């Protein structure tokens, strides 16, 4: 059986525009959530979000690329650049043996909103000729493939909020079964705009708490909705022998992937959590010492999600679920939708490398129904061997990827 390892990671997210900045802020328990600056929220119930800060796309990618791409693709290309530079794989692999599996929950929503407004106010001639290739959600995958000459399998996945993890899992399977020797995987999102926030708000998914220091509080008794965020995460997956032969630095090994569907409701998770539990068990290697497992939970800060995830872990492991180290890094980043799983896979790798469990910040009042170890407010240093990235998406999508320390 082929083995799959990680040789490069890159990110742009509310905690930092590089992996190093993200790592330091995450372990310090910093809050990347603030009052929305992208548009006027004075008349909105929903005033906070996890925005990317001080990101100069033109400096990273060039003015021409910026003009022709939506922000979600810009985030994707910037994160891919960091991951590919760390990996050092360019020039060491046949182009048709390297592929891409990358997704977005929504795609170029800013472009859609802008050009629709142009259509209404100025007529069809004022719709940009770049509208379609900026807006379609597969275009980040396509741009990454073009940038790095990846002629192998190139797929764009969308499993809503599980997208980033699904992309990593499907990339893992692509290498495992021999269709490629390396895959550039992840997700990106840039949808902090009036339309998207109104839509999520009106379906009662967002928190209307206006205080950035308490709005996102996963597993807390007073949680009342998620906080929109944006960003991208990219991981370079590589077949182990190929990576070893070229002397690559191996960051972690991918050792499992679980993918299931609740087939229950378009937005609500199945409260019995049977298929979330199955995805967890499908991903986790048998015989793993649960006291050395970190679970980066989906942890959205919604009443249903956090309860369902707790139920799933108990269903999977019984009383032994109390041995797990669990946290939600969304408490610091907010919910990056299609990007969130990829960024949280990176958080898992960083946790393993540093033997440190990131905290769940803003946790002040325990919920009696949620009684596992959620690592409240302060990072914990402890020996770790395996990390699970778990994400759930609208439509019932469940995705879990397992990483092992190397």
Protein backbone atom coordinates (compact mmCIF):
# COMPACT_ATOMS: atom_id res chain seq x y z
CA UNK A 1 0.00 0.00 0.00
CA UNK A 2 1.32 3.43 -0.95
CA UNK A 3 1.82 5.96 1.85
CA UNK A 4 0.93 9.65 1.63
CA UNK A 5 2.74 12.45 3.42
CA UNK A 6 2.53 16.24 3.67
CA UNK A 7 5.55 18.16 2.34
CA UNK A 8 4.20 21.71 2.19
CA UNK A 9 1.55 23.89 3.82
CA UNK A 10 0.38 27.44 3.21
CA UNK A 11 -2.38 29.67 4.47
CA UNK A 12 -4.00 33.08 4.45
CA UNK A 13 -6.56 33.49 7.23
CA UNK A 14 -7.78 35.91 9.93
CA UNK A 15 -4.91 34.95 12.26
CA UNK A 16 -2.13 35.50 9.76
CA UNK A 17 -1.04 35.51 6.13
CA UNK A 18 1.66 32.86 6.59
CA UNK A 19 1.82 29.54 8.39
CA UNK A 20 4.28 30.92 10.94
CA UNK A 21 2.02 33.85 11.83
CA UNK A 22 -0.99 31.54 12.02
CA UNK A 23 0.88 29.09 14.26
CA UNK A 24 2.05 31.72 16.72
CA UNK A 25 -1.34 33.43 16.97
CA UNK A 26 -3.24 30.14 17.26
CA UNK A 27 -1.16 28.75 20.11
CA UNK A 28 -1.29 32.13 21.87
CA UNK A 29 -5.10 32.05 21.72
CA UNK A 30 -5.41 35.31 19.78
CA UNK A 31 -8.72 36.44 18.38
CA UNK A 32 -8.88 37.10 14.64
CA UNK A 33 -12.52 38.15 14.73
CA UNK A 34 -13.52 41.82 14.64
CA UNK A 35 -16.08 44.34 13.48
CA UNK A 36 -16.68 44.06 9.72
CA UNK A 37 -14.71 46.64 7.71
CA UNK A 38 -15.54 45.47 4.17
CA UNK A 39 -18.94 47.16 4.14
CA UNK A 40 -21.19 49.26 6.36
CA UNK A 41 -22.89 47.05 8.96
CA UNK A 42 -24.64 49.83 10.86
CA UNK A 43 -28.05 48.61 9.64
CA UNK A 44 -27.26 44.90 9.99
CA UNK A 45 -27.84 42.55 12.92
CA UNK A 46 -24.58 40.82 12.02
CA UNK A 47 -21.61 43.06 12.71
CA UNK A 48 -18.57 40.83 13.23
CA UNK A 49 -16.52 38.54 11.01
CA UNK A 50 -13.11 36.97 10.65
CA UNK A 51 -11.51 39.11 7.95
CA UNK A 52 -8.08 38.55 6.40
CA UNK A 53 -5.90 41.51 7.38
CA UNK A 54 -3.10 43.42 5.63
CA UNK A 55 -3.12 41.12 2.62
CA UNK A 56 -1.56 42.80 -0.43
CA UNK A 57 -2.62 40.55 -3.28
CA UNK A 58 -0.82 42.63 -5.92
CA UNK A 59 2.47 42.38 -4.04
CA UNK A 60 2.16 38.59 -3.76
CA UNK A 61 0.60 37.75 -7.13
CA UNK A 62 1.04 40.77 -9.41
CA UNK A 63 -1.49 43.35 -10.62
CA UNK A 64 -2.54 41.42 -13.73
CA UNK A 65 -3.50 38.33 -11.73
CA UNK A 66 -5.44 40.45 -9.24
CA UNK A 67 -7.38 42.14 -12.03
CA UNK A 68 -8.45 38.79 -13.47
CA UNK A 69 -9.28 36.92 -10.26
CA UNK A 70 -11.77 37.04 -7.42
CA UNK A 71 -10.40 37.38 -3.87
CA UNK A 72 -11.07 33.70 -3.14
CA UNK A 73 -8.70 32.73 -5.95
CA UNK A 74 -6.16 35.30 -4.78
CA UNK A 75 -6.19 33.74 -1.31
CA UNK A 76 -5.84 30.28 -2.89
CA UNK A 77 -2.86 31.26 -5.06
CA UNK A 78 -1.08 32.98 -2.17
CA UNK A 79 -1.50 29.94 0.09
CA UNK A 80 -0.43 27.62 -2.74
CA UNK A 81 2.70 29.69 -3.31
CA UNK A 82 3.75 29.27 0.32
CA UNK A 83 2.98 25.54 0.33
CA UNK A 84 4.77 24.85 -2.94
CA UNK A 85 7.84 26.84 -1.91
CA UNK A 86 8.10 24.87 1.33
CA UNK A 87 7.59 21.58 -0.47
CA UNK A 88 10.25 22.22 -3.08
CA UNK A 89 8.58 19.71 -5.37
CA UNK A 90 8.67 21.88 -8.50
CA UNK A 91 11.01 20.40 -11.08
CA UNK A 92 11.23 17.02 -9.34
CA UNK A 93 8.09 15.38 -10.71
CA UNK A 94 6.59 14.62 -14.12
CA UNK A 95 3.83 17.14 -14.77
CA UNK A 96 1.18 14.47 -15.37
CA UNK A 97 1.96 12.87 -12.00
CA UNK A 98 1.01 16.03 -10.08
CA UNK A 99 -2.62 17.05 -9.71
CA UNK A 100 -4.93 19.40 -7.87
CA UNK A 101 -7.96 18.83 -5.66
CA UNK A 102 -9.20 22.17 -4.44
CA UNK A 103 -12.58 23.66 -3.64
CA UNK A 104 -14.76 26.43 -2.34
CA UNK A 105 -18.11 26.47 -0.67
CA UNK A 106 -19.40 29.43 -2.66
CA UNK A 107 -16.75 30.60 -5.13
CA UNK A 108 -16.51 34.15 -6.44
CA UNK A 109 -19.37 35.68 -4.53
CA UNK A 110 -17.81 39.17 -4.45
CA UNK A 111 -17.53 39.07 -8.25
CA UNK A 112 -21.11 37.89 -8.57
CA UNK A 113 -22.40 40.71 -6.39
CA UNK A 114 -20.33 43.38 -8.14
CA UNK A 115 -21.23 42.39 -11.69
CA UNK A 116 -24.88 41.90 -10.86
CA UNK A 117 -24.94 45.45 -9.55
CA UNK A 118 -23.23 46.63 -12.74
CA UNK A 119 -25.88 44.83 -14.80
CA UNK A 120 -28.76 46.45 -12.92
CA UNK A 121 -27.29 49.95 -12.82
CA UNK A 122 -25.33 50.21 -16.10
CA UNK A 123 -26.59 47.48 -18.39
CA UNK A 124 -25.16 44.26 -19.80
CA UNK A 125 -22.22 45.89 -21.59
CA UNK A 126 -20.76 46.79 -18.20
CA UNK A 127 -20.58 43.20 -16.99
CA UNK A 128 -16.90 42.29 -16.91
CA UNK A 129 -15.57 39.89 -19.58
CA UNK A 130 -13.77 38.24 -16.67
CA UNK A 131 -17.05 37.70 -14.78
CA UNK A 132 -17.46 33.96 -15.45
CA UNK A 133 -13.81 32.87 -15.01
CA UNK A 134 -13.59 34.95 -11.84
CA UNK A 135 -16.82 33.65 -10.33
CA UNK A 136 -17.01 29.89 -10.99
CA UNK A 137 -15.96 27.90 -7.96
CA UNK A 138 -13.61 25.53 -9.82
CA UNK A 139 -11.41 28.37 -11.03
CA UNK A 140 -9.09 28.38 -8.01
CA UNK A 141 -8.22 24.75 -8.78
CA UNK A 142 -7.70 25.64 -12.42
CA UNK A 143 -5.47 28.61 -11.63
CA UNK A 144 -3.34 26.55 -9.24
CA UNK A 145 -2.89 23.86 -11.91
CA UNK A 146 -1.91 26.49 -14.48
CA UNK A 147 0.53 28.18 -12.11
CA UNK A 148 2.39 24.94 -11.32
CA UNK A 149 1.93 23.02 -14.56
CA UNK A 150 -0.03 20.25 -12.87
CA UNK A 151 -1.29 18.08 -15.73
CA UNK A 152 -2.56 15.24 -13.55
CA UNK A 153 -6.06 14.93 -12.09
CA UNK A 154 -7.57 18.37 -11.43
CA UNK A 155 -10.87 18.41 -9.59
CA UNK A 156 -12.85 21.04 -7.76
CA UNK A 157 -14.93 19.77 -4.85
CA UNK A 158 -17.67 21.49 -2.91
CA UNK A 159 -19.11 19.87 0.18
CA UNK A 160 -20.10 23.18 1.76
CA UNK A 161 -18.29 23.67 5.07
CA UNK A 162 -16.53 20.31 4.75
CA UNK A 163 -14.95 21.27 1.40
CA UNK A 164 -11.34 21.79 2.51
CA UNK A 165 -11.18 18.50 4.38
CA UNK A 166 -12.91 16.65 1.55
CA UNK A 167 -10.32 18.03 -0.89
CA UNK A 168 -7.45 16.79 1.26
CA UNK A 169 -9.12 13.40 1.70
CA UNK A 170 -9.81 12.96 -1.99
CA UNK A 171 -6.27 14.04 -2.83
CA UNK A 172 -5.02 11.42 -0.39
CA UNK A 173 -7.07 8.73 -2.12
CA UNK A 174 -5.83 9.86 -5.54
CA UNK A 175 -2.22 9.25 -4.49
CA UNK A 176 -3.03 6.15 -2.45
CA UNK A 177 -4.53 4.42 -5.49
CA UNK A 178 -1.76 5.46 -7.85
CA UNK A 179 -3.40 8.12 -10.02
CA UNK A 180 -0.82 10.74 -9.02
CA UNK A 181 2.37 11.06 -6.99
CA UNK A 182 1.59 14.53 -5.62
CA UNK A 183 -1.56 16.60 -5.15
CA UNK A 184 -2.05 20.27 -4.28
CA UNK A 185 -5.12 20.28 -2.05
CA UNK A 186 -7.24 22.66 -0.02
CA UNK A 187 -9.98 25.26 -0.06
CA UNK A 188 -10.58 29.00 -0.25
CA UNK A 189 -13.39 31.41 0.52
CA UNK A 190 -13.98 35.15 0.30
CA UNK A 191 -17.65 35.79 0.93
CA UNK A 192 -17.84 38.49 3.60
CA UNK A 193 -20.32 40.70 1.79
CA UNK A 194 -23.86 41.95 2.45
CA UNK A 195 -25.62 39.28 0.39
CA UNK A 196 -23.87 36.26 1.88
CA UNK A 197 -24.12 37.49 5.44
CA UNK A 198 -27.80 38.33 5.00
CA UNK A 199 -28.43 34.87 3.59
CA UNK A 200 -26.71 33.00 6.39
CA UNK A 201 -28.24 35.38 8.93
CA UNK A 202 -31.77 34.93 7.66
CA UNK A 203 -31.47 31.15 7.84
CA UNK A 204 -30.55 31.64 11.51
CA UNK A 205 -27.02 30.28 11.19
CA UNK A 206 -25.06 33.41 12.21
CA UNK A 207 -24.54 34.83 15.67
CA UNK A 208 -26.00 38.30 16.16
CA UNK A 209 -23.67 38.95 19.09
CA UNK A 210 -21.90 42.26 18.23
CA UNK A 211 -18.96 41.68 20.61
CA UNK A 212 -15.93 40.15 18.84
CA UNK A 213 -14.68 38.85 22.19
CA UNK A 214 -17.68 36.63 22.82
CA UNK A 215 -19.52 36.18 19.52
CA UNK A 216 -17.80 32.91 18.58
CA UNK A 217 -17.75 30.56 21.58
CA UNK A 218 -17.81 26.91 20.52
CA UNK A 219 -19.10 24.40 23.07
CA UNK A 220 -20.04 27.22 25.49
CA UNK A 221 -23.54 27.13 26.95
CA UNK A 222 -24.36 30.58 25.50
CA UNK A 223 -23.24 29.94 21.90
CA UNK A 224 -25.81 31.18 19.40
CA UNK A 225 -24.40 30.92 15.88
CA UNK A 226 -21.27 30.96 13.77
CA UNK A 227 -19.14 33.89 12.65
CA UNK A 228 -18.39 34.34 8.94
CA UNK A 229 -14.72 34.35 7.95
CA UNK A 230 -12.51 34.13 4.89
CA UNK A 231 -9.15 32.71 3.86
CA UNK A 232 -7.44 29.74 2.26
CA UNK A 233 -5.41 26.69 3.18
CA UNK A 234 -3.23 24.57 0.88
CA UNK A 235 -1.45 21.30 1.58
CA UNK A 236 0.98 19.52 -0.75
CA UNK A 237 0.38 15.78 -0.48
CA UNK A 238 3.05 13.44 -1.82
CA UNK A 239 3.69 9.73 -2.12
CA UNK A 240 6.11 8.79 0.64
CA UNK A 241 8.82 7.12 -1.44
CA UNK A 242 8.79 9.99 -3.93
CA UNK A 243 9.19 12.51 -1.12
CA UNK A 244 11.95 10.50 0.55
CA UNK A 245 13.86 10.00 -2.70
CA UNK A 246 14.13 13.72 -3.29
CA UNK A 247 15.01 14.50 0.33
CA UNK A 248 11.84 16.42 1.10
CA UNK A 249 10.99 17.54 4.62
CA UNK A 250 8.01 15.48 5.73
CA UNK A 251 5.63 17.40 7.99
CA UNK A 252 3.12 14.65 8.76
CA UNK A 253 1.62 11.49 7.29
CA UNK A 254 -2.00 11.18 6.18
CA UNK A 255 -3.24 7.91 7.67
CA UNK A 256 -6.98 7.92 7.11
CA UNK A 257 -10.02 9.57 5.58
CA UNK A 258 -13.69 9.18 6.38
CA UNK A 259 -16.45 10.55 4.14
CA UNK A 260 -20.15 10.08 4.85
CA UNK A 261 -23.48 11.85 4.51
CA UNK A 262 -26.21 12.25 7.09
CA UNK A 263 -28.86 12.28 4.31
CA UNK A 264 -31.05 13.94 6.91
CA UNK A 265 -31.65 17.69 6.34
CA UNK A 266 -30.31 20.49 4.13
CA UNK A 267 -28.87 22.54 7.01
CA UNK A 268 -29.26 20.65 10.30
CA UNK A 269 -26.97 17.75 11.27
CA UNK A 270 -28.57 14.47 12.26
CA UNK A 271 -28.79 14.64 16.07
CA UNK A 272 -28.05 10.92 16.34
CA UNK A 273 -24.65 11.62 14.73
CA UNK A 274 -24.37 8.05 13.44
CA UNK A 275 -22.61 8.96 10.21
CA UNK A 276 -20.35 11.61 11.72
CA UNK A 277 -19.18 8.88 14.09
CA UNK A 278 -18.67 6.51 11.16
CA UNK A 279 -16.51 9.08 9.34
CA UNK A 280 -14.39 9.47 12.48
CA UNK A 281 -13.90 5.73 12.88
CA UNK A 282 -13.20 5.27 9.17
CA UNK A 283 -10.39 7.84 9.40
CA UNK A 284 -8.73 6.84 12.68
CA UNK A 285 -6.20 3.98 12.52
CA UNK A 286 -7.07 1.01 14.69
CA UNK A 287 -5.24 0.74 17.99
CA UNK A 288 -4.62 4.47 18.35
CA UNK A 289 -4.03 5.66 21.92
CA UNK A 290 -6.88 8.15 22.38
CA UNK A 291 -5.01 10.03 25.09
CA UNK A 292 -2.55 11.11 22.37
CA UNK A 293 -5.20 12.18 19.84
CA UNK A 294 -6.05 15.80 19.04
CA UNK A 295 -9.44 16.46 17.44
CA UNK A 296 -9.80 19.75 15.61
CA UNK A 297 -13.57 19.81 15.80
CA UNK A 298 -15.82 21.59 13.34
CA UNK A 299 -16.95 23.50 16.43
CA UNK A 300 -19.02 26.19 14.74
CA UNK A 301 -20.51 27.72 17.91
CA UNK A 302 -24.02 26.78 16.81
CA UNK A 303 -26.27 24.94 19.27
CA UNK A 304 -26.85 21.94 16.98
CA UNK A 305 -23.37 21.44 15.57
CA UNK A 306 -21.46 21.43 18.84
CA UNK A 307 -23.94 19.07 20.46
CA UNK A 308 -23.90 16.75 17.44
CA UNK A 309 -20.10 16.58 17.36
CA UNK A 310 -19.97 15.75 21.04
CA UNK A 311 -22.56 13.02 20.47
CA UNK A 312 -20.53 11.68 17.53
CA UNK A 313 -17.34 11.39 19.56
CA UNK A 314 -19.18 9.62 22.37
CA UNK A 315 -20.85 7.34 19.86
CA UNK A 316 -17.49 6.49 18.33
CA UNK A 317 -15.50 6.00 21.53
CA UNK A 318 -17.92 5.73 24.45
CA UNK A 319 -16.47 6.85 27.78
CA UNK A 320 -13.01 6.87 26.20
CA UNK A 321 -14.04 10.03 24.35
CA UNK A 322 -13.09 11.86 27.55
CA UNK A 323 -9.45 10.99 26.85
CA UNK A 324 -9.43 13.05 23.63
CA UNK A 325 -7.91 16.52 23.35
CA UNK A 326 -10.51 18.59 21.48
CA UNK A 327 -10.65 22.20 20.39
CA UNK A 328 -12.27 24.50 17.88
CA UNK A 329 -9.87 26.92 16.20
CA UNK A 330 -12.95 28.64 14.74
CA UNK A 331 -13.15 30.38 18.11
CA UNK A 332 -10.13 32.37 16.85
CA UNK A 333 -10.60 32.43 13.05
CA UNK A 334 -14.35 32.33 12.63
CA UNK A 335 -15.89 29.99 10.06
CA UNK A 336 -14.11 30.13 6.69
CA UNK A 337 -16.74 27.95 4.99
CA UNK A 338 -15.04 26.06 2.12
CA UNK A 339 -11.58 27.04 3.36
CA UNK A 340 -12.08 26.09 6.96
CA UNK A 341 -11.25 22.39 6.69
CA UNK A 342 -7.98 23.02 4.86
CA UNK A 343 -6.84 25.61 7.40
CA UNK A 344 -7.84 23.27 10.21
CA UNK A 345 -5.87 20.41 8.61
CA UNK A 346 -2.87 22.73 8.85
CA UNK A 347 -3.74 23.40 12.49
CA UNK A 348 -3.66 19.63 13.07
CA UNK A 349 -0.20 19.34 11.55
CA UNK A 350 1.08 22.24 13.64
CA UNK A 351 -0.40 20.66 16.77
CA UNK A 352 1.48 17.41 16.07
CA UNK A 353 4.74 19.19 15.30
CA UNK A 354 4.61 21.19 18.51
CA UNK A 355 2.90 18.65 20.84
CA UNK A 356 0.46 21.46 21.59
CA UNK A 357 -3.33 21.51 21.56
CA UNK A 358 -4.68 24.88 20.36
CA UNK A 359 -7.27 26.42 22.68
CA UNK A 360 -10.98 27.02 22.29
CA UNK A 361 -11.12 30.68 23.28
CA UNK A 362 -14.17 32.61 24.55
CA UNK A 363 -15.22 29.55 26.57
CA UNK A 364 -16.71 30.87 29.81
CA UNK A 365 -19.75 28.78 30.79
CA UNK A 366 -19.77 25.00 30.32
CA UNK A 367 -22.83 23.40 28.76
CA UNK A 368 -23.95 20.49 30.97
CA UNK A 369 -24.73 18.45 27.85
CA UNK A 370 -21.21 18.92 26.46
CA UNK A 371 -18.80 17.30 28.89
CA UNK A 372 -15.66 16.48 26.91
CA UNK A 373 -12.26 18.19 27.07
CA UNK A 374 -12.56 21.21 24.74
CA UNK A 375 -9.23 22.82 25.82
CA UNK A 376 -10.79 26.03 27.15
CA UNK A 377 -8.98 29.34 26.56
CA UNK A 378 -5.35 28.20 26.93
CA UNK A 379 -3.22 25.91 24.77
CA UNK A 380 -2.11 22.64 26.37
CA UNK A 381 1.31 21.05 25.88
CA UNK A 382 1.00 17.27 25.78
CA UNK A 383 2.42 14.36 23.75
CA UNK A 384 0.41 13.90 20.55
CA UNK A 385 0.63 11.15 17.95
CA UNK A 386 -2.49 11.53 15.79
CA UNK A 387 -4.70 14.48 14.88
CA UNK A 388 -8.18 14.39 13.37
CA UNK A 389 -9.65 17.22 11.33
CA UNK A 390 -13.44 16.92 11.40
CA UNK A 391 -15.86 19.02 9.36
CA UNK A 392 -19.58 18.96 8.68
CA UNK A 393 -21.34 20.77 5.82
CA UNK A 394 -24.83 21.84 4.81
CA UNK A 395 -26.44 18.97 2.93
CA UNK A 396 -25.20 16.48 5.50
CA UNK A 397 -21.61 16.19 4.26
CA UNK A 398 -19.14 14.79 6.81
CA UNK A 399 -15.39 14.61 6.23
CA UNK A 400 -12.60 13.56 8.60
CA UNK A 401 -8.88 13.30 7.81
CA UNK A 402 -6.33 11.71 10.17
CA UNK A 403 -2.70 12.82 10.37
CA UNK A 404 0.14 11.06 12.17
CA UNK A 405 3.33 12.58 13.52
CA UNK A 406 6.52 11.63 11.68
